[in-house]
PDB file of N, CA and C in Angstrom:
ATOM      1  N   MET A   1     -29.307 -16.145 101.460  1.00  0.00           N
ATOM      2  CA  MET A   1     -27.996 -15.655 101.274  1.00  0.00           C
ATOM      3  C   MET A   1     -27.730 -15.499  99.779  1.00  0.00           C
ATOM      4  N   ASN A   2     -26.482 -15.185  99.495  1.00  0.00           N
ATOM      5  CA  ASN A   2     -26.008 -15.175  97.971  1.00  0.00           C
ATOM      6  C   ASN A   2     -25.834 -16.588  97.477  1.00  0.00           C
ATOM      7  N   GLN A   3     -26.454 -16.888  96.407  1.00  0.00           N
ATOM      8  CA  GLN A   3     -26.422 -18.195  95.719  1.00  0.00           C
ATOM      9  C   GLN A   3     -26.144 -17.950  94.316  1.00  0.00           C
ATOM     10  N   LYS A   4     -25.170 -18.617  93.746  1.00  0.00           N
ATOM     11  CA  LYS A   4     -24.920 -18.696  92.325  1.00  0.00           C
ATOM     12  C   LYS A   4     -26.075 -19.104  91.561  1.00  0.00           C
ATOM     13  N   GLU A   5     -26.611 -18.432  90.536  1.00  0.00           N
ATOM     14  CA  GLU A   5     -27.590 -18.833  89.719  1.00  0.00           C
ATOM     15  C   GLU A   5     -27.103 -19.196  88.303  1.00  0.00           C
ATOM     16  N   GLN A   6     -27.402 -20.423  87.859  1.00  0.00           N
ATOM     17  CA  GLN A   6     -27.021 -20.951  86.717  1.00  0.00           C
ATOM     18  C   GLN A   6     -27.743 -20.170  85.441  1.00  0.00           C
ATOM     19  N   VAL A   7     -27.051 -19.563  84.676  1.00  0.00           N
ATOM     20  CA  VAL A   7     -27.601 -18.814  83.491  1.00  0.00           C
ATOM     21  C   VAL A   7     -27.147 -19.532  82.193  1.00  0.00           C
ATOM     22  N   SER A   8     -28.335 -19.733  81.395  1.00  0.00           N
ATOM     23  CA  SER A   8     -28.144 -20.502  80.150  1.00  0.00           C
ATOM     24  C   SER A   8     -27.318 -19.599  79.185  1.00  0.00           C
ATOM     25  N   ASN A   9     -26.510 -20.134  78.439  1.00  0.00           N
ATOM     26  CA  ASN A   9     -25.755 -19.341  77.401  1.00  0.00           C
ATOM     27  C   ASN A   9     -26.361 -19.630  76.011  1.00  0.00           C
ATOM     28  N   ASP A  10     -27.007 -18.562  75.500  1.00  0.00           N
ATOM     29  CA  ASP A  10     -27.639 -18.777  74.184  1.00  0.00           C
ATOM     30  C   ASP A  10     -26.711 -18.910  73.024  1.00  0.00           C
ATOM     31  N   ARG A  11     -25.501 -18.450  73.150  1.00  0.00           N
ATOM     32  CA  ARG A  11     -24.571 -18.475  72.015  1.00  0.00           C
ATOM     33  C   ARG A  11     -24.265 -19.880  71.627  1.00  0.00           C
ATOM     34  N   ASP A  12     -24.253 -20.841  72.486  1.00  0.00           N
ATOM     35  CA  ASP A  12     -24.053 -22.315  72.119  1.00  0.00           C
ATOM     36  C   ASP A  12     -25.207 -22.744  71.204  1.00  0.00           C
ATOM     37  N   GLU A  13     -26.379 -22.462  71.467  1.00  0.00           N
ATOM     38  CA  GLU A  13     -27.477 -22.892  70.745  1.00  0.00           C
ATOM     39  C   GLU A  13     -27.444 -22.173  69.278  1.00  0.00           C
ATOM     40  N   VAL A  14     -27.035 -20.849  69.226  1.00  0.00           N
ATOM     41  CA  VAL A  14     -26.881 -20.298  67.928  1.00  0.00           C
ATOM     42  C   VAL A  14     -25.901 -20.832  67.056  1.00  0.00           C
ATOM     43  N   SER A  15     -24.696 -21.120  67.768  1.00  0.00           N
ATOM     44  CA  SER A  15     -23.567 -21.774  67.037  1.00  0.00           C
ATOM     45  C   SER A  15     -23.952 -23.098  66.341  1.00  0.00           C
ATOM     46  N   GLN A  16     -24.803 -23.817  67.073  1.00  0.00           N
ATOM     47  CA  GLN A  16     -25.196 -25.212  66.658  1.00  0.00           C
ATOM     48  C   GLN A  16     -26.051 -24.989  65.287  1.00  0.00           C
ATOM     49  N   GLU A  17     -27.000 -24.005  65.450  1.00  0.00           N
ATOM     50  CA  GLU A  17     -27.914 -23.780  64.404  1.00  0.00           C
ATOM     51  C   GLU A  17     -27.213 -23.375  63.167  1.00  0.00           C
ATOM     52  N   GLN A  18     -26.175 -22.501  63.318  1.00  0.00           N
ATOM     53  CA  GLN A  18     -25.419 -21.953  62.138  1.00  0.00           C
ATOM     54  C   GLN A  18     -24.538 -23.069  61.570  1.00  0.00           C
ATOM     55  N   GLY A  19     -24.221 -24.046  62.297  1.00  0.00           N
ATOM     56  CA  GLY A  19     -23.415 -25.065  61.718  1.00  0.00           C
ATOM     57  C   GLY A  19     -24.117 -25.906  60.689  1.00  0.00           C
ATOM     58  N   ASN A  20     -25.376 -25.875  60.550  1.00  0.00           N
ATOM     59  CA  ASN A  20     -26.076 -26.750  59.780  1.00  0.00           C
ATOM     60  C   ASN A  20     -26.451 -25.979  58.443  1.00  0.00           C
ATOM     61  N   LEU A  21     -25.744 -25.007  58.021  1.00  0.00           N
ATOM     62  CA  LEU A  21     -26.053 -24.199  56.842  1.00  0.00           C
ATOM     63  C   LEU A  21     -25.514 -24.984  55.616  1.00  0.00           C
ATOM     64  N   SER A  22     -26.066 -24.844  54.485  1.00  0.00           N
ATOM     65  CA  SER A  22     -25.636 -25.557  53.271  1.00  0.00           C
ATOM     66  C   SER A  22     -24.375 -24.858  52.717  1.00  0.00           C
ATOM     67  N   ASN A  23     -23.574 -25.483  51.984  1.00  0.00           N
ATOM     68  CA  ASN A  23     -22.359 -24.881  51.264  1.00  0.00           C
ATOM     69  C   ASN A  23     -22.684 -24.469  49.883  1.00  0.00           C
ATOM     70  N   THR A  24     -23.772 -23.846  49.689  1.00  0.00           N
ATOM     71  CA  THR A  24     -24.097 -23.415  48.347  1.00  0.00           C
ATOM     72  C   THR A  24     -23.168 -22.416  47.812  1.00  0.00           C
ATOM     73  N   ALA A  25     -22.733 -21.354  48.520  1.00  0.00           N
ATOM     74  CA  ALA A  25     -21.797 -20.413  47.970  1.00  0.00           C
ATOM     75  C   ALA A  25     -20.487 -21.100  47.517  1.00  0.00           C
ATOM     76  N   THR A  26     -20.057 -22.042  48.300  1.00  0.00           N
ATOM     77  CA  THR A  26     -18.751 -22.709  48.021  1.00  0.00           C
ATOM     78  C   THR A  26     -18.908 -23.459  46.756  1.00  0.00           C
ATOM     79  N   ASN A  27     -19.999 -24.088  46.604  1.00  0.00           N
ATOM     80  CA  ASN A  27     -20.239 -24.936  45.363  1.00  0.00           C
ATOM     81  C   ASN A  27     -20.349 -24.047  44.220  1.00  0.00           C
ATOM     82  N   MET A  28     -21.030 -22.875  44.348  1.00  0.00           N
ATOM     83  CA  MET A  28     -21.003 -21.952  43.137  1.00  0.00           C
ATOM     84  C   MET A  28     -19.714 -21.408  42.762  1.00  0.00           C
ATOM     85  N   PHE A  29     -18.884 -21.146  43.802  1.00  0.00           N
ATOM     86  CA  PHE A  29     -17.522 -20.655  43.438  1.00  0.00           C
ATOM     87  C   PHE A  29     -16.702 -21.761  42.727  1.00  0.00           C
ATOM     88  N   ASN A  30     -16.840 -22.929  43.189  1.00  0.00           N
ATOM     89  CA  ASN A  30     -16.240 -24.076  42.456  1.00  0.00           C
ATOM     90  C   ASN A  30     -16.657 -24.201  41.015  1.00  0.00           C
ATOM     91  N   TYR A  31     -18.018 -24.114  40.714  1.00  0.00           N
ATOM     92  CA  TYR A  31     -18.431 -24.162  39.407  1.00  0.00           C
ATOM     93  C   TYR A  31     -17.982 -22.980  38.583  1.00  0.00           C
ATOM     94  N   PHE A  32     -17.860 -21.688  39.164  1.00  0.00           N
ATOM     95  CA  PHE A  32     -17.506 -20.663  38.221  1.00  0.00           C
ATOM     96  C   PHE A  32     -15.934 -20.755  38.077  1.00  0.00           C
ATOM     97  N   LEU A  33     -15.153 -21.213  39.026  1.00  0.00           N
ATOM     98  CA  LEU A  33     -13.737 -21.434  38.853  1.00  0.00           C
ATOM     99  C   LEU A  33     -13.472 -22.419  37.766  1.00  0.00           C
ATOM    100  N   PHE A  34     -14.157 -23.544  37.811  1.00  0.00           N
ATOM    101  CA  PHE A  34     -14.114 -24.667  36.790  1.00  0.00           C
ATOM    102  C   PHE A  34     -14.369 -24.170  35.431  1.00  0.00           C
ATOM    103  N   GLY A  35     -15.523 -23.436  35.314  1.00  0.00           N
ATOM    104  CA  GLY A  35     -15.989 -22.983  34.152  1.00  0.00           C
ATOM    105  C   GLY A  35     -15.033 -21.929  33.397  1.00  0.00           C
ATOM    106  N   GLY A  36     -14.553 -20.985  34.321  1.00  0.00           N
ATOM    107  CA  GLY A  36     -13.562 -20.011  33.810  1.00  0.00           C
ATOM    108  C   GLY A  36     -12.378 -20.619  33.384  1.00  0.00           C
ATOM    109  N   GLY A  37     -11.863 -21.665  34.094  1.00  0.00           N
ATOM    110  CA  GLY A  37     -10.647 -22.354  33.700  1.00  0.00           C
ATOM    111  C   GLY A  37     -10.846 -23.089  32.332  1.00  0.00           C
ATOM    112  N   LEU A  38     -12.030 -23.659  32.171  1.00  0.00           N
ATOM    113  CA  LEU A  38     -12.312 -24.275  30.914  1.00  0.00           C
ATOM    114  C   LEU A  38     -12.447 -23.455  29.823  1.00  0.00           C
ATOM    115  N   MET A  39     -12.982 -22.290  30.002  1.00  0.00           N
ATOM    116  CA  MET A  39     -13.107 -21.241  28.986  1.00  0.00           C
ATOM    117  C   MET A  39     -11.735 -20.703  28.613  1.00  0.00           C
ATOM    118  N   ILE A  40     -10.822 -20.534  29.543  1.00  0.00           N
ATOM    119  CA  ILE A  40      -9.362 -20.025  29.147  1.00  0.00           C
ATOM    120  C   ILE A  40      -8.733 -21.055  28.399  1.00  0.00           C
ATOM    121  N   VAL A  41      -8.900 -22.351  28.764  1.00  0.00           N
ATOM    122  CA  VAL A  41      -8.268 -23.457  27.977  1.00  0.00           C
ATOM    123  C   VAL A  41      -8.750 -23.518  26.549  1.00  0.00           C
ATOM    124  N   GLY A  42     -10.140 -23.449  26.404  1.00  0.00           N
ATOM    125  CA  GLY A  42     -10.762 -23.401  25.174  1.00  0.00           C
ATOM    126  C   GLY A  42     -10.253 -22.269  24.275  1.00  0.00           C
ATOM    127  N   ILE A  43     -10.135 -21.051  24.825  1.00  0.00           N
ATOM    128  CA  ILE A  43      -9.582 -19.892  24.083  1.00  0.00           C
ATOM    129  C   ILE A  43      -8.064 -20.115  23.600  1.00  0.00           C
ATOM    130  N   LEU A  44      -7.312 -20.638  24.510  1.00  0.00           N
ATOM    131  CA  LEU A  44      -5.954 -20.938  24.141  1.00  0.00           C
ATOM    132  C   LEU A  44      -5.781 -21.986  23.074  1.00  0.00           C
ATOM    133  N   VAL A  45      -6.632 -22.989  23.049  1.00  0.00           N
ATOM    134  CA  VAL A  45      -6.675 -24.116  22.033  1.00  0.00           C
ATOM    135  C   VAL A  45      -7.013 -23.400  20.723  1.00  0.00           C
ATOM    136  N   PHE A  46      -8.084 -22.549  20.762  1.00  0.00           N
ATOM    137  CA  PHE A  46      -8.603 -21.925  19.510  1.00  0.00           C
ATOM    138  C   PHE A  46      -7.482 -21.012  18.918  1.00  0.00           C
ATOM    139  N   ILE A  47      -6.806 -20.310  19.712  1.00  0.00           N
ATOM    140  CA  ILE A  47      -5.684 -19.399  19.235  1.00  0.00           C
ATOM    141  C   ILE A  47      -4.575 -20.291  18.716  1.00  0.00           C
ATOM    142  N   PHE A  48      -4.269 -21.385  19.306  1.00  0.00           N
ATOM    143  CA  PHE A  48      -3.097 -22.313  18.877  1.00  0.00           C
ATOM    144  C   PHE A  48      -3.477 -22.792  17.629  1.00  0.00           C
ATOM    145  N   TYR A  49      -4.656 -23.415  17.369  1.00  0.00           N
ATOM    146  CA  TYR A  49      -5.051 -23.919  16.027  1.00  0.00           C
ATOM    147  C   TYR A  49      -5.240 -22.846  14.881  1.00  0.00           C
ATOM    148  N   ARG A  50      -5.643 -21.743  15.266  1.00  0.00           N
ATOM    149  CA  ARG A  50      -5.870 -20.667  14.328  1.00  0.00           C
ATOM    150  C   ARG A  50      -4.465 -20.219  13.832  1.00  0.00           C
ATOM    151  N   ARG A  51      -3.530 -20.131  14.661  1.00  0.00           N
ATOM    152  CA  ARG A  51      -2.150 -19.704  14.283  1.00  0.00           C
ATOM    153  C   ARG A  51      -1.442 -20.755  13.491  1.00  0.00           C
ATOM    154  N   ARG A  52      -1.695 -22.095  13.751  1.00  0.00           N
ATOM    155  CA  ARG A  52      -1.118 -23.174  13.089  1.00  0.00           C
ATOM    156  C   ARG A  52      -1.647 -23.220  11.739  1.00  0.00           C
ATOM    157  N   LYS A  53      -2.830 -22.844  11.369  1.00  0.00           N
ATOM    158  CA  LYS A  53      -3.321 -22.962  10.046  1.00  0.00           C
ATOM    159  C   LYS A  53      -2.679 -21.822   9.159  1.00  0.00           C
ATOM    160  N   GLN A  54      -2.372 -20.725   9.668  1.00  0.00           N
ATOM    161  CA  GLN A  54      -1.763 -19.611   8.884  1.00  0.00           C
ATOM    162  C   GLN A  54      -0.417 -19.817   8.504  1.00  0.00           C
TER     163      GLN A  54
END
């Protein structure tokens, strides 16, 4: 007769494998953000001291 057959769901296995990825892109974004902010602060300090001398 008609019986329900249990079918495995491969999506669960794929989701678990994707969960173990490293956060390299996020770390690189943080480094660029910090470096950009530091550069802007350095430029502002340079302009401030340059105008102060004149």
